[in-house]
C-alpha atoms as a PDB file:
ATOM      1  CA  MET A   1      44.021  56.479  76.265  1.00  0.00           C
ATOM      2  CA  ASN A   2      47.674  55.602  77.009  1.00  0.00           C
ATOM      3  CA  GLN A   3      49.702  58.306  75.533  1.00  0.00           C
ATOM      4  CA  GLN A   4      52.793  56.633  75.544  1.00  0.00           C
ATOM      5  CA  ALA A   5      51.601  53.646  73.725  1.00  0.00           C
ATOM      6  CA  PHE A   6      50.066  56.416  71.077  1.00  0.00           C
ATOM      7  CA  GLU A   7      53.293  57.897  70.400  1.00  0.00           C
ATOM      8  CA  ASN A   8      54.626  54.890  69.553  1.00  0.00           C
ATOM      9  CA  VAL A   9      52.002  54.356  67.069  1.00  0.00           C
ATOM     10  CA  ARG A  10      51.298  57.910  65.649  1.00  0.00           C
ATOM     11  CA  ASP A  11      52.285  57.906  62.765  1.00  0.00           C
ATOM     12  CA  GLN A  12      51.895  54.249  61.438  1.00  0.00           C
ATOM     13  CA  ILE A  13      49.215  52.002  59.064  1.00  0.00           C
ATOM     14  CA  GLY A  14      48.985  48.921  59.609  1.00  0.00           C
ATOM     15  CA  ALA A  15      49.538  46.471  56.313  1.00  0.00           C
ATOM     16  CA  CYS A  16      45.560  46.073  56.317  1.00  0.00           C
ATOM     17  CA  GLY A  17      45.542  49.845  55.747  1.00  0.00           C
ATOM     18  CA  ILE A  18      43.820  50.466  58.831  1.00  0.00           C
ATOM     19  CA  TRP A  19      45.912  53.490  61.444  1.00  0.00           C
ATOM     20  CA  CYS A  20      47.402  51.958  64.188  1.00  0.00           C
ATOM     21  CA  GLY A  21      46.129  55.101  66.293  1.00  0.00           C
ATOM     22  CA  SER A  22      43.370  53.698  66.163  1.00  0.00           C
ATOM     23  CA  CYS A  23      43.754  49.734  67.668  1.00  0.00           C
ATOM     24  CA  ALA A  24      42.693  49.777  71.067  1.00  0.00           C
ATOM     25  CA  VAL A  25      46.080  47.581  70.948  1.00  0.00           C
ATOM     26  CA  GLY A  26      48.689  49.607  69.528  1.00  0.00           C
ATOM     27  CA  ASN A  27      46.904  52.760  71.587  1.00  0.00           C
ATOM     28  CA  GLY A  28      47.217  51.039  74.692  1.00  0.00           C
ATOM     29  CA  SER A  29      43.512  52.339  75.577  1.00  0.00           C
ATOM     30  CA  LEU A  30      42.377  48.207  75.817  1.00  0.00           C
ATOM     31  CA  ARG A  31      45.117  47.401  78.341  1.00  0.00           C
ATOM     32  CA  MET A  32      44.077  50.445  80.231  1.00  0.00           C
ATOM     33  CA  ALA A  33      39.894  49.826  80.045  1.00  0.00           C
ATOM     34  CA  SER A  34      41.535  46.079  81.132  1.00  0.00           C
ATOM     35  CA  GLN A  35      42.837  47.097  84.079  1.00  0.00           C
ATOM     36  CA  GLN A  36      40.993  49.699  85.254  1.00  0.00           C
ATOM     37  CA  TYR A  37      37.737  46.957  84.837  1.00  0.00           C
ATOM     38  CA  PHE A  38      40.432  44.794  86.520  1.00  0.00           C
ATOM     39  CA  GLU A  39      40.571  47.237  90.007  1.00  0.00           C
ATOM     40  CA  VAL A  40      36.849  47.874  89.826  1.00  0.00           C
ATOM     41  CA  LEU A  41      35.453  44.171  89.505  1.00  0.00           C
ATOM     42  CA  GLU A  42      38.247  43.767  92.491  1.00  0.00           C
ATOM     43  CA  GLY A  43      37.531  47.020  95.109  1.00  0.00           C
ATOM     44  CA  HIS A  44      33.635  45.873  94.754  1.00  0.00           C
ATOM     45  CA  GLY A  45      34.464  42.098  95.461  1.00  0.00           C
ATOM     46  CA  ILE A  46      32.062  40.987  92.388  1.00  0.00           C
ATOM     47  CA  GLU A  47      33.904  37.950  93.127  1.00  0.00           C
ATOM     48  CA  HIS A  48      31.456  37.505  95.784  1.00  0.00           C
ATOM     49  CA  TRP A  49      28.242  38.101  94.702  1.00  0.00           C
ATOM     50  CA  SER A  50      27.991  37.366  90.405  1.00  0.00           C
ATOM     51  CA  PRO A  51      25.747  35.484  89.076  1.00  0.00           C
ATOM     52  CA  PRO A  52      26.547  31.414  90.085  1.00  0.00           C
ATOM     53  CA  GLU A  53      27.243  31.184  85.265  1.00  0.00           C
ATOM     54  CA  LEU A  54      29.600  33.633  85.559  1.00  0.00           C
ATOM     55  CA  ASP A  55      33.098  31.589  86.046  1.00  0.00           C
ATOM     56  CA  TYR A  56      34.759  34.267  88.184  1.00  0.00           C
ATOM     57  CA  ALA A  57      37.991  32.895  88.048  1.00  0.00           C
ATOM     58  CA  ALA A  58      38.653  32.646  84.555  1.00  0.00           C
ATOM     59  CA  MET A  59      37.377  35.745  83.986  1.00  0.00           C
ATOM     60  CA  SER A  60      39.754  37.605  86.289  1.00  0.00           C
ATOM     61  CA  ASN A  61      42.284  35.689  84.856  1.00  0.00           C
ATOM     62  CA  GLY A  62      41.458  36.668  81.316  1.00  0.00           C
ATOM     63  CA  LEU A  63      41.432  40.353  82.442  1.00  0.00           C
ATOM     64  CA  SER A  64      44.731  40.288  84.712  1.00  0.00           C
ATOM     65  CA  ILE A  65      46.618  38.603  80.967  1.00  0.00           C
ATOM     66  CA  VAL A  66      45.045  40.841  78.848  1.00  0.00           C
ATOM     67  CA  SER A  67      46.102  44.040  81.644  1.00  0.00           C
ATOM     68  CA  ASP A  68      49.777  42.722  81.415  1.00  0.00           C
ATOM     69  CA  MET A  69      50.300  42.382  76.848  1.00  0.00           C
ATOM     70  CA  ALA A  70      52.164  44.133  75.420  1.00  0.00           C
ATOM     71  CA  THR A  71      51.250  47.107  73.661  1.00  0.00           C
ATOM     72  CA  CYS A  72      51.484  46.473  70.219  1.00  0.00           C
ATOM     73  CA  PRO A  73      54.699  48.741  68.164  1.00  0.00           C
ATOM     74  CA  GLY A  74      52.635  48.368  64.583  1.00  0.00           C
ATOM     75  CA  CYS A  75      53.170  46.042  62.120  1.00  0.00           C
ATOM     76  CA  ARG A  76      56.526  48.478  60.634  1.00  0.00           C
ATOM     77  CA  GLN A  77      58.493  47.967  63.692  1.00  0.00           C
ATOM     78  CA  LYS A  78      56.960  44.144  63.836  1.00  0.00           C
ATOM     79  CA  GLY A  79      54.388  44.136  65.948  1.00  0.00           C
ATOM     80  CA  GLY A  80      51.627  42.715  65.247  1.00  0.00           C
ATOM     81  CA  ARG A  81      50.703  39.083  65.029  1.00  0.00           C
ATOM     82  CA  ASP A  82      53.200  36.813  64.235  1.00  0.00           C
ATOM     83  CA  ASP A  83      50.593  35.248  61.442  1.00  0.00           C
ATOM     84  CA  CYS A  84      49.300  38.539  60.015  1.00  0.00           C
ATOM     85  CA  PRO A  85      48.083  37.284  56.591  1.00  0.00           C
ATOM     86  CA  MET A  86      47.289  41.340  55.320  1.00  0.00           C
ATOM     87  CA  ARG A  87      51.246  41.628  56.193  1.00  0.00           C
ATOM     88  CA  THR A  88      52.502  38.612  54.785  1.00  0.00           C
ATOM     89  CA  CYS A  89      50.431  39.047  51.557  1.00  0.00           C
ATOM     90  CA  THR A  90      51.574  42.635  51.538  1.00  0.00           C
ATOM     91  CA  GLU A  91      55.085  42.513  51.480  1.00  0.00           C
ATOM     92  CA  GLY A  92      55.146  38.988  49.691  1.00  0.00           C
ATOM     93  CA  ARG A  93      53.807  41.735  46.739  1.00  0.00           C
ATOM     94  CA  GLY A  94      55.912  44.785  47.495  1.00  0.00           C
ATOM     95  CA  LEU A  95      52.791  46.319  48.353  1.00  0.00           C
ATOM     96  CA  VAL A  96      53.156  49.168  51.388  1.00  0.00           C
ATOM     97  CA  ASP A  97      49.778  48.407  52.778  1.00  0.00           C
ATOM     98  CA  CYS A  98      46.340  46.921  51.268  1.00  0.00           C
ATOM     99  CA  THR A  99      45.280  49.809  49.700  1.00  0.00           C
ATOM    100  CA  GLU A 100      48.088  49.159  46.957  1.00  0.00           C
ATOM    101  CA  CYS A 101      46.778  46.171  45.888  1.00  0.00           C
ATOM    102  CA  HIS A 102      43.712  46.078  42.980  1.00  0.00           C
ATOM    103  CA  GLU A 103      42.214  42.289  43.867  1.00  0.00           C
ATOM    104  CA  THR A 104      39.036  42.212  44.071  1.00  0.00           C
ATOM    105  CA  GLU A 105      39.029  39.183  46.553  1.00  0.00           C
ATOM    106  CA  CYS A 106      41.042  38.227  49.475  1.00  0.00           C
END
């Protein structure tokens, strides 16, 4: 876990009610794991002996993209998906998060 990323979200609860520090995007662990996985694959030359069914270039590109993703600052700091239905719903209802909602179906 990236300590700086964790500190950014440690006191936040998302609109969904999930603690941002437990989120792999919010706490930086997804980014860090992707970077490490990419380094291991590159360092061991997996490209040259991976199964033919594996599109190594696409996988490598995907890992690179995830490794470069910005760490989410959390909903309270305008992070997360712009089109998050839970954030839209809670904001529209004037709720802090989904735990305040008494609807039985979402």
